[in-house]
Amino acid sequence: MSSSVAEALGPALGGRDSMAAPPTRPALGERLFASAMKGAAVGVAAILVGVLVFLSLRGGPSLAAQQGDLPAHATSFWQLAGPLAFGSLWVAVIALCFASLPAIGVALAATVYAPSPKFGRFLAAVLDLLAAVPSVVFGLWGLMVLAPIMTPIYAWLHTQLGWLPFFSGEPSVTGRTVLTAGMVVGVMILPIMAAMCRESFALTPPALMEAATALGATRWEMVRTAVLPGARSGIVAGGMLGLGRALGETMAVAMVLSATPFLISFNVISAENPATIAAFIASTFPESTGSQVGALIGLGLVLFGIALVASVVGRRFAQKGRAR
């Protein structure tokens, strides 16, 4: 009697076997979508590994090359790669300094300070269109418009702030300096950084912003306490994307910058400026032959490593910001 009662009450008492739902097979569309996403992830990883293998095989032996096998009459590979790596990082840092605050400001204007949703969408569309402008157009703008405008400003900076190492050198009479190149690249990376910041700000819960406003916070206090802290990881991610774009920028830098190989200098207004890896490869590759081509591929491997390290560091900062 008791056993029959237990069997009858088993489902009601939450028996594991009786209450477990039978496994269902995912729909065909879901399986196809999952397979496509896995294939895309594997494809991206395969492309990255393929690029790394190509650079290592073709450019790796050139890391130990000596004079005669290198372009620009360098005596060793690292004598050539060191100043070029410095120039690439210097231009990228200047570009980030010019683009960071405007990117955050434009993103806040489109998401928080926009008088209407339509105006915010219009501002976002204009920003996205700016990202579609070819780099050669930015190079022409920097060469023909920005450089002449900056020439008297460089002379004034040298006169007033010449005691600083950034403005101590003789100012350029053409305006084709590393500061001009950094400003041009900063305008180029602005849409990417602003788009990332805009998406991060848009993810802020409206209830959080309304709560800050209800407690008496002004618009800026609401942004500072409710919007910016939660979007820290997105801001860092946008900065890393902009840094990657700045490190690899070629045509605009080659057109604007009056570069001098083997130069390491923090002076940003002089006519003698450090060259970047990407611009040096683009300007030297047409007349390079034999082992010199391998050396240029080796420079590409160095640039790949710099971009990879910057990406890893930026990802770590983004993860810390997201956890906080």
C-alpha atoms as a PDB file:
ATOM      1  CA  MET A   1       0.000   0.000   0.000  1.00  0.00           C
ATOM      2  CA  SER A   2       2.743   2.427   0.977  1.00  0.00           C
ATOM      3  CA  SER A   3       4.797   1.611  -2.098  1.00  0.00           C
ATOM      4  CA  SER A   4       1.845   2.277  -4.423  1.00  0.00           C
ATOM      5  CA  VAL A   5       1.178   5.588  -2.697  1.00  0.00           C
ATOM      6  CA  ALA A   6       4.846   6.595  -3.061  1.00  0.00           C
ATOM      7  CA  GLU A   7       4.757   5.723  -6.753  1.00  0.00           C
ATOM      8  CA  ALA A   8       1.611   7.794  -7.248  1.00  0.00           C
ATOM      9  CA  LEU A   9       2.982  10.780  -5.338  1.00  0.00           C
ATOM     10  CA  GLY A  10       6.464  10.598  -6.923  1.00  0.00           C
ATOM     11  CA  PRO A  11       5.837  13.199  -9.680  1.00  0.00           C
ATOM     12  CA  ALA A  12       4.133  15.573  -7.248  1.00  0.00           C
ATOM     13  CA  LEU A  13       7.040  15.302  -4.810  1.00  0.00           C
ATOM     14  CA  GLY A  14       9.509  16.355  -7.507  1.00  0.00           C
ATOM     15  CA  GLY A  15      10.983  13.070  -8.597  1.00  0.00           C
ATOM     16  CA  ARG A  16      14.083  13.771 -10.710  1.00  0.00           C
ATOM     17  CA  ASP A  17      13.379  11.177 -13.400  1.00  0.00           C
ATOM     18  CA  SER A  18       9.720  12.033 -13.797  1.00  0.00           C
ATOM     19  CA  MET A  19      10.144  15.816 -13.845  1.00  0.00           C
ATOM     20  CA  ALA A  20      13.118  15.969 -16.243  1.00  0.00           C
ATOM     21  CA  ALA A  21      12.079  17.285 -19.662  1.00  0.00           C
ATOM     22  CA  PRO A  22      13.113  15.171 -22.599  1.00  0.00           C
ATOM     23  CA  PRO A  23      16.111  16.667 -24.467  1.00  0.00           C
ATOM     24  CA  THR A  24      15.126  18.587 -27.566  1.00  0.00           C
ATOM     25  CA  ARG A  25      17.292  18.947 -30.625  1.00  0.00           C
ATOM     26  CA  PRO A  26      18.000  22.552 -31.720  1.00  0.00           C
ATOM     27  CA  ALA A  27      16.216  23.724 -34.816  1.00  0.00           C
ATOM     28  CA  LEU A  28      17.963  23.525 -38.172  1.00  0.00           C
ATOM     29  CA  GLY A  29      18.311  27.305 -38.480  1.00  0.00           C
ATOM     30  CA  GLU A  30      19.910  27.555 -35.049  1.00  0.00           C
ATOM     31  CA  ARG A  31      22.403  24.803 -35.871  1.00  0.00           C
ATOM     32  CA  LEU A  32      23.314  26.469 -39.165  1.00  0.00           C
ATOM     33  CA  PHE A  33      23.775  29.850 -37.497  1.00  0.00           C
ATOM     34  CA  ALA A  34      25.980  28.357 -34.761  1.00  0.00           C
ATOM     35  CA  SER A  35      28.090  26.559 -37.364  1.00  0.00           C
ATOM     36  CA  ALA A  36      28.468  29.757 -39.400  1.00  0.00           C
ATOM     37  CA  MET A  37      29.602  31.723 -36.353  1.00  0.00           C
ATOM     38  CA  LYS A  38      32.119  29.040 -35.389  1.00  0.00           C
ATOM     39  CA  GLY A  39      33.394  28.952 -38.958  1.00  0.00           C
ATOM     40  CA  ALA A  40      33.801  32.734 -38.979  1.00  0.00           C
ATOM     41  CA  ALA A  41      35.751  32.648 -35.717  1.00  0.00           C
ATOM     42  CA  VAL A  42      38.019  29.875 -37.008  1.00  0.00           C
ATOM     43  CA  GLY A  43      38.484  31.737 -40.294  1.00  0.00           C
ATOM     44  CA  VAL A  44      39.554  34.954 -38.576  1.00  0.00           C
ATOM     45  CA  ALA A  45      41.991  33.046 -36.388  1.00  0.00           C
ATOM     46  CA  ALA A  46      43.355  31.198 -39.428  1.00  0.00           C
ATOM     47  CA  ILE A  47      43.914  34.475 -41.302  1.00  0.00           C
ATOM     48  CA  LEU A  48      45.741  35.947 -38.328  1.00  0.00           C
ATOM     49  CA  VAL A  49      47.930  32.878 -37.966  1.00  0.00           C
ATOM     50  CA  GLY A  50      48.574  32.860 -41.713  1.00  0.00           C
ATOM     51  CA  VAL A  51      49.738  36.492 -41.665  1.00  0.00           C
ATOM     52  CA  LEU A  52      51.995  35.790 -38.700  1.00  0.00           C
ATOM     53  CA  VAL A  53      53.488  32.709 -40.396  1.00  0.00           C
ATOM     54  CA  PHE A  54      54.128  34.638 -43.616  1.00  0.00           C
ATOM     55  CA  LEU A  55      55.814  37.510 -41.781  1.00  0.00           C
ATOM     56  CA  SER A  56      57.901  35.122 -39.700  1.00  0.00           C
ATOM     57  CA  LEU A  57      59.066  33.001 -42.630  1.00  0.00           C
ATOM     58  CA  ARG A  58      59.824  35.880 -44.984  1.00  0.00           C
ATOM     59  CA  GLY A  59      60.908  38.525 -42.500  1.00  0.00           C
ATOM     60  CA  GLY A  60      62.292  36.511 -39.597  1.00  0.00           C
ATOM     61  CA  PRO A  61      65.724  35.851 -41.193  1.00  0.00           C
ATOM     62  CA  SER A  62      66.121  39.603 -41.809  1.00  0.00           C
ATOM     63  CA  LEU A  63      66.091  40.349 -38.082  1.00  0.00           C
ATOM     64  CA  ALA A  64      69.791  39.444 -38.052  1.00  0.00           C
ATOM     65  CA  ALA A  65      70.639  41.157 -41.369  1.00  0.00           C
ATOM     66  CA  GLN A  66      73.630  43.472 -41.592  1.00  0.00           C
ATOM     67  CA  GLN A  67      74.730  46.348 -43.820  1.00  0.00           C
ATOM     68  CA  GLY A  68      74.274  45.679 -47.513  1.00  0.00           C
ATOM     69  CA  ASP A  69      71.088  43.664 -47.079  1.00  0.00           C
ATOM     70  CA  LEU A  70      69.084  46.531 -45.608  1.00  0.00           C
ATOM     71  CA  PRO A  71      67.457  49.631 -47.133  1.00  0.00           C
ATOM     72  CA  ALA A  72      68.471  53.183 -46.242  1.00  0.00           C
ATOM     73  CA  HIS A  73      72.136  52.118 -45.719  1.00  0.00           C
ATOM     74  CA  ALA A  74      71.468  50.790 -42.215  1.00  0.00           C
ATOM     75  CA  THR A  75      74.285  48.891 -40.508  1.00  0.00           C
ATOM     76  CA  SER A  76      71.936  46.507 -38.680  1.00  0.00           C
ATOM     77  CA  PHE A  77      68.250  45.650 -38.740  1.00  0.00           C
ATOM     78  CA  TRP A  78      67.575  46.999 -35.278  1.00  0.00           C
ATOM     79  CA  GLN A  79      69.354  50.254 -36.044  1.00  0.00           C
ATOM     80  CA  LEU A  80      66.661  50.696 -38.691  1.00  0.00           C
ATOM     81  CA  ALA A  81      63.713  49.181 -36.808  1.00  0.00           C
ATOM     82  CA  GLY A  82      64.261  50.986 -33.493  1.00  0.00           C
ATOM     83  CA  PRO A  83      63.784  54.588 -34.695  1.00  0.00           C
ATOM     84  CA  LEU A  84      60.945  53.517 -37.004  1.00  0.00           C
ATOM     85  CA  ALA A  85      59.125  51.786 -34.143  1.00  0.00           C
ATOM     86  CA  PHE A  86      59.604  54.905 -32.025  1.00  0.00           C
ATOM     87  CA  GLY A  87      58.186  57.079 -34.793  1.00  0.00           C
ATOM     88  CA  SER A  88      55.143  54.835 -35.214  1.00  0.00           C
ATOM     89  CA  LEU A  89      54.389  54.905 -31.495  1.00  0.00           C
ATOM     90  CA  TRP A  90      55.050  58.656 -31.252  1.00  0.00           C
ATOM     91  CA  VAL A  91      52.647  59.527 -34.059  1.00  0.00           C
ATOM     92  CA  ALA A  92      50.031  57.136 -32.619  1.00  0.00           C
ATOM     93  CA  VAL A  93      50.312  58.660 -29.125  1.00  0.00           C
ATOM     94  CA  ILE A  94      49.946  62.193 -30.532  1.00  0.00           C
ATOM     95  CA  ALA A  95      46.909  61.053 -32.526  1.00  0.00           C
ATOM     96  CA  LEU A  96      45.315  59.524 -29.428  1.00  0.00           C
ATOM     97  CA  CYS A  97      45.923  62.715 -27.448  1.00  0.00           C
ATOM     98  CA  PHE A  98      44.130  64.748 -30.108  1.00  0.00           C
ATOM     99  CA  ALA A  99      41.263  62.289 -30.690  1.00  0.00           C
ATOM    100  CA  SER A 100      40.361  61.003 -27.204  1.00  0.00           C
ATOM    101  CA  LEU A 101      38.500  63.969 -25.711  1.00  0.00           C
ATOM    102  CA  PRO A 102      36.711  64.946 -28.968  1.00  0.00           C
ATOM    103  CA  ALA A 103      35.592  61.333 -29.435  1.00  0.00           C
ATOM    104  CA  ILE A 104      34.132  61.171 -25.928  1.00  0.00           C
ATOM    105  CA  GLY A 105      32.538  64.600 -26.367  1.00  0.00           C
ATOM    106  CA  VAL A 106      30.930  63.739 -29.709  1.00  0.00           C
ATOM    107  CA  ALA A 107      29.656  60.428 -28.322  1.00  0.00           C
ATOM    108  CA  LEU A 108      28.116  62.190 -25.312  1.00  0.00           C
ATOM    109  CA  ALA A 109      26.560  64.802 -27.591  1.00  0.00           C
ATOM    110  CA  ALA A 110      24.949  62.081 -29.700  1.00  0.00           C
ATOM    111  CA  THR A 111      23.626  59.997 -26.791  1.00  0.00           C
ATOM    112  CA  VAL A 112      23.114  62.257 -23.766  1.00  0.00           C
ATOM    113  CA  TYR A 113      23.154  65.891 -24.815  1.00  0.00           C
ATOM    114  CA  ALA A 114      21.319  65.562 -28.145  1.00  0.00           C
ATOM    115  CA  PRO A 115      18.186  67.745 -28.098  1.00  0.00           C
ATOM    116  CA  SER A 116      16.246  64.995 -29.889  1.00  0.00           C
ATOM    117  CA  PRO A 117      16.783  61.372 -30.978  1.00  0.00           C
ATOM    118  CA  LYS A 118      16.710  62.461 -34.630  1.00  0.00           C
ATOM    119  CA  PHE A 119      19.589  64.876 -34.097  1.00  0.00           C
ATOM    120  CA  GLY A 120      21.542  62.160 -32.306  1.00  0.00           C
ATOM    121  CA  ARG A 121      21.045  59.765 -35.204  1.00  0.00           C
ATOM    122  CA  PHE A 122      22.024  62.487 -37.680  1.00  0.00           C
ATOM    123  CA  LEU A 123      25.230  63.220 -35.749  1.00  0.00           C
ATOM    124  CA  ALA A 124      26.060  59.503 -35.613  1.00  0.00           C
ATOM    125  CA  ALA A 125      25.496  59.177 -39.366  1.00  0.00           C
ATOM    126  CA  VAL A 126      27.802  62.134 -40.095  1.00  0.00           C
ATOM    127  CA  LEU A 127      30.454  60.587 -37.883  1.00  0.00           C
ATOM    128  CA  ASP A 128      30.158  57.257 -39.669  1.00  0.00           C
ATOM    129  CA  LEU A 129      30.490  58.990 -43.042  1.00  0.00           C
ATOM    130  CA  LEU A 130      33.723  60.587 -41.834  1.00  0.00           C
ATOM    131  CA  ALA A 131      35.155  57.104 -41.334  1.00  0.00           C
ATOM    132  CA  ALA A 132      34.549  56.339 -45.020  1.00  0.00           C
ATOM    133  CA  VAL A 133      36.794  59.162 -46.284  1.00  0.00           C
ATOM    134  CA  PRO A 134      39.929  57.650 -47.936  1.00  0.00           C
ATOM    135  CA  SER A 135      43.235  58.226 -46.187  1.00  0.00           C
ATOM    136  CA  VAL A 136      44.719  59.887 -49.267  1.00  0.00           C
ATOM    137  CA  VAL A 137      42.075  62.612 -48.948  1.00  0.00           C
ATOM    138  CA  PHE A 138      43.125  63.225 -45.348  1.00  0.00           C
ATOM    139  CA  GLY A 139      46.720  63.322 -46.527  1.00  0.00           C
ATOM    140  CA  LEU A 140      45.944  65.976 -49.126  1.00  0.00           C
ATOM    141  CA  TRP A 141      44.009  67.988 -46.545  1.00  0.00           C
ATOM    142  CA  GLY A 142      46.896  67.802 -44.088  1.00  0.00           C
ATOM    143  CA  LEU A 143      49.463  68.725 -46.732  1.00  0.00           C
ATOM    144  CA  MET A 144      47.593  71.538 -48.485  1.00  0.00           C
ATOM    145  CA  VAL A 145      45.451  73.003 -45.688  1.00  0.00           C
ATOM    146  CA  LEU A 146      46.574  72.040 -42.197  1.00  0.00           C
ATOM    147  CA  ALA A 147      50.352  72.319 -42.658  1.00  0.00           C
ATOM    148  CA  PRO A 148      50.284  75.971 -43.873  1.00  0.00           C
ATOM    149  CA  ILE A 149      47.901  76.898 -41.057  1.00  0.00           C
ATOM    150  CA  MET A 150      50.170  75.322 -38.424  1.00  0.00           C
ATOM    151  CA  THR A 151      53.416  76.953 -39.674  1.00  0.00           C
ATOM    152  CA  PRO A 152      52.992  80.307 -37.830  1.00  0.00           C
ATOM    153  CA  ILE A 153      51.671  78.432 -34.792  1.00  0.00           C
ATOM    154  CA  TYR A 154      54.867  76.374 -34.682  1.00  0.00           C
ATOM    155  CA  ALA A 155      56.931  79.571 -34.821  1.00  0.00           C
ATOM    156  CA  TRP A 156      54.917  80.983 -31.910  1.00  0.00           C
ATOM    157  CA  LEU A 157      55.319  77.763 -29.894  1.00  0.00           C
ATOM    158  CA  HIS A 158      59.069  77.845 -30.440  1.00  0.00           C
ATOM    159  CA  THR A 159      59.237  81.469 -29.295  1.00  0.00           C
ATOM    160  CA  GLN A 160      57.030  81.084 -26.219  1.00  0.00           C
ATOM    161  CA  LEU A 161      57.704  77.478 -25.165  1.00  0.00           C
ATOM    162  CA  GLY A 162      61.105  76.771 -26.660  1.00  0.00           C
ATOM    163  CA  TRP A 163      62.429  75.713 -23.260  1.00  0.00           C
ATOM    164  CA  LEU A 164      60.342  72.534 -23.538  1.00  0.00           C
ATOM    165  CA  PRO A 165      61.941  69.618 -25.435  1.00  0.00           C
ATOM    166  CA  PHE A 166      58.803  69.297 -27.613  1.00  0.00           C
ATOM    167  CA  PHE A 167      59.274  72.804 -29.067  1.00  0.00           C
ATOM    168  CA  SER A 168      63.017  73.375 -28.712  1.00  0.00           C
ATOM    169  CA  GLY A 169      64.059  72.685 -32.312  1.00  0.00           C
ATOM    170  CA  GLU A 170      63.994  75.109 -35.198  1.00  0.00           C
ATOM    171  CA  PRO A 171      60.372  75.226 -36.401  1.00  0.00           C
ATOM    172  CA  SER A 172      59.556  73.868 -39.821  1.00  0.00           C
ATOM    173  CA  VAL A 173      58.798  76.397 -42.544  1.00  0.00           C
ATOM    174  CA  THR A 174      56.548  73.940 -44.380  1.00  0.00           C
ATOM    175  CA  GLY A 175      54.485  72.650 -41.451  1.00  0.00           C
ATOM    176  CA  ARG A 176      55.195  69.028 -42.386  1.00  0.00           C
ATOM    177  CA  THR A 177      56.030  67.878 -38.875  1.00  0.00           C
ATOM    178  CA  VAL A 178      55.222  64.927 -36.670  1.00  0.00           C
ATOM    179  CA  LEU A 179      52.651  67.063 -34.844  1.00  0.00           C
ATOM    180  CA  THR A 180      50.817  67.779 -38.104  1.00  0.00           C
ATOM    181  CA  ALA A 181      50.898  64.086 -38.985  1.00  0.00           C
ATOM    182  CA  GLY A 182      49.578  63.188 -35.543  1.00  0.00           C
ATOM    183  CA  MET A 183      46.727  65.680 -35.908  1.00  0.00           C
ATOM    184  CA  VAL A 184      45.756  64.249 -39.297  1.00  0.00           C
ATOM    185  CA  VAL A 185      45.813  60.695 -37.961  1.00  0.00           C
ATOM    186  CA  GLY A 186      43.833  61.861 -34.923  1.00  0.00           C
ATOM    187  CA  VAL A 187      41.054  63.106 -37.206  1.00  0.00           C
ATOM    188  CA  MET A 188      41.146  59.755 -39.017  1.00  0.00           C
ATOM    189  CA  ILE A 189      40.746  57.642 -35.870  1.00  0.00           C
ATOM    190  CA  LEU A 190      38.135  59.967 -34.341  1.00  0.00           C
ATOM    191  CA  PRO A 191      35.105  58.206 -35.963  1.00  0.00           C
ATOM    192  CA  ILE A 192      36.210  54.750 -34.759  1.00  0.00           C
ATOM    193  CA  MET A 193      36.763  55.878 -31.194  1.00  0.00           C
ATOM    194  CA  ALA A 194      33.561  57.938 -31.115  1.00  0.00           C
ATOM    195  CA  ALA A 195      31.515  55.005 -32.443  1.00  0.00           C
ATOM    196  CA  MET A 196      32.804  52.709 -29.692  1.00  0.00           C
ATOM    197  CA  CYS A 197      32.186  55.341 -27.019  1.00  0.00           C
ATOM    198  CA  ARG A 198      28.710  56.026 -28.400  1.00  0.00           C
ATOM    199  CA  GLU A 199      27.725  52.364 -28.213  1.00  0.00           C
ATOM    200  CA  SER A 200      29.060  52.105 -24.672  1.00  0.00           C
ATOM    201  CA  PHE A 201      27.181  55.211 -23.507  1.00  0.00           C
ATOM    202  CA  ALA A 202      23.968  53.954 -25.119  1.00  0.00           C
ATOM    203  CA  LEU A 203      24.142  50.798 -22.975  1.00  0.00           C
ATOM    204  CA  THR A 204      23.843  52.781 -19.742  1.00  0.00           C
ATOM    205  CA  PRO A 205      20.547  51.788 -18.062  1.00  0.00           C
ATOM    206  CA  PRO A 206      18.059  54.702 -18.270  1.00  0.00           C
ATOM    207  CA  ALA A 207      16.935  53.965 -14.706  1.00  0.00           C
ATOM    208  CA  LEU A 208      20.461  54.663 -13.474  1.00  0.00           C
ATOM    209  CA  MET A 209      20.563  58.064 -15.180  1.00  0.00           C
ATOM    210  CA  GLU A 210      17.064  58.889 -13.953  1.00  0.00           C
ATOM    211  CA  ALA A 211      18.039  57.950 -10.410  1.00  0.00           C
ATOM    212  CA  ALA A 212      21.056  60.270 -10.522  1.00  0.00           C
ATOM    213  CA  THR A 213      18.883  63.098 -11.834  1.00  0.00           C
ATOM    214  CA  ALA A 214      16.235  62.424  -9.175  1.00  0.00           C
ATOM    215  CA  LEU A 215      18.873  62.763  -6.472  1.00  0.00           C
ATOM    216  CA  GLY A 216      19.586  66.300  -7.657  1.00  0.00           C
ATOM    217  CA  ALA A 217      22.570  65.699  -9.945  1.00  0.00           C
ATOM    218  CA  THR A 218      23.148  68.082 -12.812  1.00  0.00           C
ATOM    219  CA  ARG A 219      23.541  66.792 -16.355  1.00  0.00           C
ATOM    220  CA  TRP A 220      27.340  66.709 -16.072  1.00  0.00           C
ATOM    221  CA  GLU A 221      27.215  65.112 -12.607  1.00  0.00           C
ATOM    222  CA  MET A 222      24.883  62.452 -13.993  1.00  0.00           C
ATOM    223  CA  VAL A 223      27.316  61.769 -16.856  1.00  0.00           C
ATOM    224  CA  ARG A 224      30.309  61.685 -14.504  1.00  0.00           C
ATOM    225  CA  THR A 225      28.725  59.364 -11.929  1.00  0.00           C
ATOM    226  CA  ALA A 226      26.388  57.167 -13.975  1.00  0.00           C
ATOM    227  CA  VAL A 227      27.507  57.110 -17.620  1.00  0.00           C
ATOM    228  CA  LEU A 228      31.290  57.318 -17.721  1.00  0.00           C
ATOM    229  CA  PRO A 229      32.116  54.695 -15.043  1.00  0.00           C
ATOM    230  CA  GLY A 230      30.063  51.998 -16.743  1.00  0.00           C
ATOM    231  CA  ALA A 231      31.466  52.840 -20.175  1.00  0.00           C
ATOM    232  CA  ARG A 232      35.114  52.729 -19.127  1.00  0.00           C
ATOM    233  CA  SER A 233      35.786  49.428 -20.877  1.00  0.00           C
ATOM    234  CA  GLY A 234      34.196  50.691 -24.100  1.00  0.00           C
ATOM    235  CA  ILE A 235      36.285  53.859 -24.000  1.00  0.00           C
ATOM    236  CA  VAL A 236      39.465  51.822 -23.577  1.00  0.00           C
ATOM    237  CA  ALA A 237      38.426  49.470 -26.379  1.00  0.00           C
ATOM    238  CA  GLY A 238      37.814  52.435 -28.668  1.00  0.00           C
ATOM    239  CA  GLY A 239      41.230  53.811 -27.792  1.00  0.00           C
ATOM    240  CA  MET A 240      42.868  50.507 -28.659  1.00  0.00           C
ATOM    241  CA  LEU A 241      41.057  50.358 -31.996  1.00  0.00           C
ATOM    242  CA  GLY A 242      42.195  53.893 -32.716  1.00  0.00           C
ATOM    243  CA  LEU A 243      45.743  53.014 -31.704  1.00  0.00           C
ATOM    244  CA  GLY A 244      45.772  50.067 -34.102  1.00  0.00           C
ATOM    245  CA  ARG A 245      44.539  52.289 -36.925  1.00  0.00           C
ATOM    246  CA  ALA A 246      47.123  54.950 -36.084  1.00  0.00           C
ATOM    247  CA  LEU A 247      49.992  52.460 -35.984  1.00  0.00           C
ATOM    248  CA  GLY A 248      49.164  51.131 -39.439  1.00  0.00           C
ATOM    249  CA  GLU A 249      48.298  54.393 -41.167  1.00  0.00           C
ATOM    250  CA  THR A 250      50.432  54.783 -44.295  1.00  0.00           C
ATOM    251  CA  MET A 251      49.390  57.192 -47.029  1.00  0.00           C
ATOM    252  CA  ALA A 252      48.370  60.166 -44.910  1.00  0.00           C
ATOM    253  CA  VAL A 253      51.559  59.992 -42.839  1.00  0.00           C
ATOM    254  CA  ALA A 254      53.755  59.515 -45.912  1.00  0.00           C
ATOM    255  CA  MET A 255      52.204  62.566 -47.589  1.00  0.00           C
ATOM    256  CA  VAL A 256      52.277  64.883 -44.569  1.00  0.00           C
ATOM    257  CA  LEU A 257      55.409  63.889 -42.652  1.00  0.00           C
ATOM    258  CA  SER A 258      58.858  65.091 -43.705  1.00  0.00           C
ATOM    259  CA  ALA A 259      60.652  62.079 -42.245  1.00  0.00           C
ATOM    260  CA  THR A 260      64.322  61.444 -41.459  1.00  0.00           C
ATOM    261  CA  PRO A 261      65.413  57.785 -41.018  1.00  0.00           C
ATOM    262  CA  PHE A 262      67.400  56.731 -37.919  1.00  0.00           C
ATOM    263  CA  LEU A 263      66.070  59.705 -35.928  1.00  0.00           C
ATOM    264  CA  ILE A 264      64.650  59.503 -32.397  1.00  0.00           C
ATOM    265  CA  SER A 265      63.387  62.877 -31.237  1.00  0.00           C
ATOM    266  CA  PHE A 266      60.504  64.192 -29.143  1.00  0.00           C
ATOM    267  CA  ASN A 267      60.556  67.495 -30.985  1.00  0.00           C
ATOM    268  CA  VAL A 268      57.187  67.921 -32.714  1.00  0.00           C
ATOM    269  CA  ILE A 269      57.696  71.169 -34.675  1.00  0.00           C
ATOM    270  CA  SER A 270      61.045  70.629 -36.363  1.00  0.00           C
ATOM    271  CA  ALA A 271      61.658  69.868 -40.031  1.00  0.00           C
ATOM    272  CA  GLU A 272      63.529  66.689 -38.994  1.00  0.00           C
ATOM    273  CA  ASN A 273      61.045  64.081 -37.802  1.00  0.00           C
ATOM    274  CA  PRO A 274      61.180  60.352 -37.038  1.00  0.00           C
ATOM    275  CA  ALA A 275      59.681  58.121 -39.705  1.00  0.00           C
ATOM    276  CA  THR A 276      57.023  55.463 -39.127  1.00  0.00           C
ATOM    277  CA  ILE A 277      57.258  51.813 -40.096  1.00  0.00           C
ATOM    278  CA  ALA A 278      54.214  51.808 -42.364  1.00  0.00           C
ATOM    279  CA  ALA A 279      55.182  54.989 -44.223  1.00  0.00           C
ATOM    280  CA  PHE A 280      58.795  53.817 -44.582  1.00  0.00           C
ATOM    281  CA  ILE A 281      57.695  50.487 -46.069  1.00  0.00           C
ATOM    282  CA  ALA A 282      55.351  52.208 -48.518  1.00  0.00           C
ATOM    283  CA  SER A 283      57.976  54.695 -49.693  1.00  0.00           C
ATOM    284  CA  THR A 284      60.885  52.229 -49.882  1.00  0.00           C
ATOM    285  CA  PHE A 285      59.249  49.085 -51.245  1.00  0.00           C
ATOM    286  CA  PRO A 286      59.098  50.069 -54.971  1.00  0.00           C
ATOM    287  CA  GLU A 287      62.891  50.340 -55.347  1.00  0.00           C
ATOM    288  CA  SER A 288      63.794  47.487 -52.969  1.00  0.00           C
ATOM    289  CA  THR A 289      65.012  44.147 -54.303  1.00  0.00           C
ATOM    290  CA  GLY A 290      66.230  40.837 -52.918  1.00  0.00           C
ATOM    291  CA  SER A 291      67.158  40.873 -49.256  1.00  0.00           C
ATOM    292  CA  GLN A 292      65.888  44.427 -48.857  1.00  0.00           C
ATOM    293  CA  VAL A 293      62.338  43.196 -49.470  1.00  0.00           C
ATOM    294  CA  GLY A 294      62.832  40.641 -46.703  1.00  0.00           C
ATOM    295  CA  ALA A 295      63.997  43.428 -44.396  1.00  0.00           C
ATOM    296  CA  LEU A 296      60.841  45.411 -45.125  1.00  0.00           C
ATOM    297  CA  ILE A 297      58.751  42.324 -44.344  1.00  0.00           C
ATOM    298  CA  GLY A 298      60.720  42.047 -41.110  1.00  0.00           C
ATOM    299  CA  LEU A 299      59.689  45.612 -40.302  1.00  0.00           C
ATOM    300  CA  GLY A 300      56.113  44.523 -40.916  1.00  0.00           C
ATOM    301  CA  LEU A 301      56.656  41.729 -38.382  1.00  0.00           C
ATOM    302  CA  VAL A 302      57.871  44.291 -35.836  1.00  0.00           C
ATOM    303  CA  LEU A 303      54.806  46.458 -36.469  1.00  0.00           C
ATOM    304  CA  PHE A 304      52.574  43.386 -36.127  1.00  0.00           C
ATOM    305  CA  GLY A 305      54.158  42.638 -32.749  1.00  0.00           C
ATOM    306  CA  ILE A 306      53.702  46.215 -31.530  1.00  0.00           C
ATOM    307  CA  ALA A 307      50.033  46.213 -32.535  1.00  0.00           C
ATOM    308  CA  LEU A 308      49.509  42.804 -30.903  1.00  0.00           C
ATOM    309  CA  VAL A 309      51.074  43.919 -27.615  1.00  0.00           C
ATOM    310  CA  ALA A 310      48.998  47.125 -27.634  1.00  0.00           C
ATOM    311  CA  SER A 311      45.840  45.093 -28.269  1.00  0.00           C
ATOM    312  CA  VAL A 312      46.577  42.676 -25.405  1.00  0.00           C
ATOM    313  CA  VAL A 313      47.353  45.510 -22.989  1.00  0.00           C
ATOM    314  CA  GLY A 314      44.203  47.371 -24.001  1.00  0.00           C
ATOM    315  CA  ARG A 315      42.107  44.241 -23.553  1.00  0.00           C
ATOM    316  CA  ARG A 316      43.457  43.765 -20.041  1.00  0.00           C
ATOM    317  CA  PHE A 317      42.581  47.350 -19.122  1.00  0.00           C
ATOM    318  CA  ALA A 318      39.117  46.904 -20.635  1.00  0.00           C
ATOM    319  CA  GLN A 319      38.521  43.750 -18.603  1.00  0.00           C
ATOM    320  CA  LYS A 320      39.597  45.499 -15.409  1.00  0.00           C
ATOM    321  CA  GLY A 321      37.266  48.394 -16.185  1.00  0.00           C
ATOM    322  CA  ARG A 322      34.366  46.031 -16.914  1.00  0.00           C
ATOM    323  CA  ALA A 323      34.963  44.137 -13.653  1.00  0.00           C
ATOM    324  CA  ARG A 324      35.132  47.393 -11.677  1.00  0.00           C
END
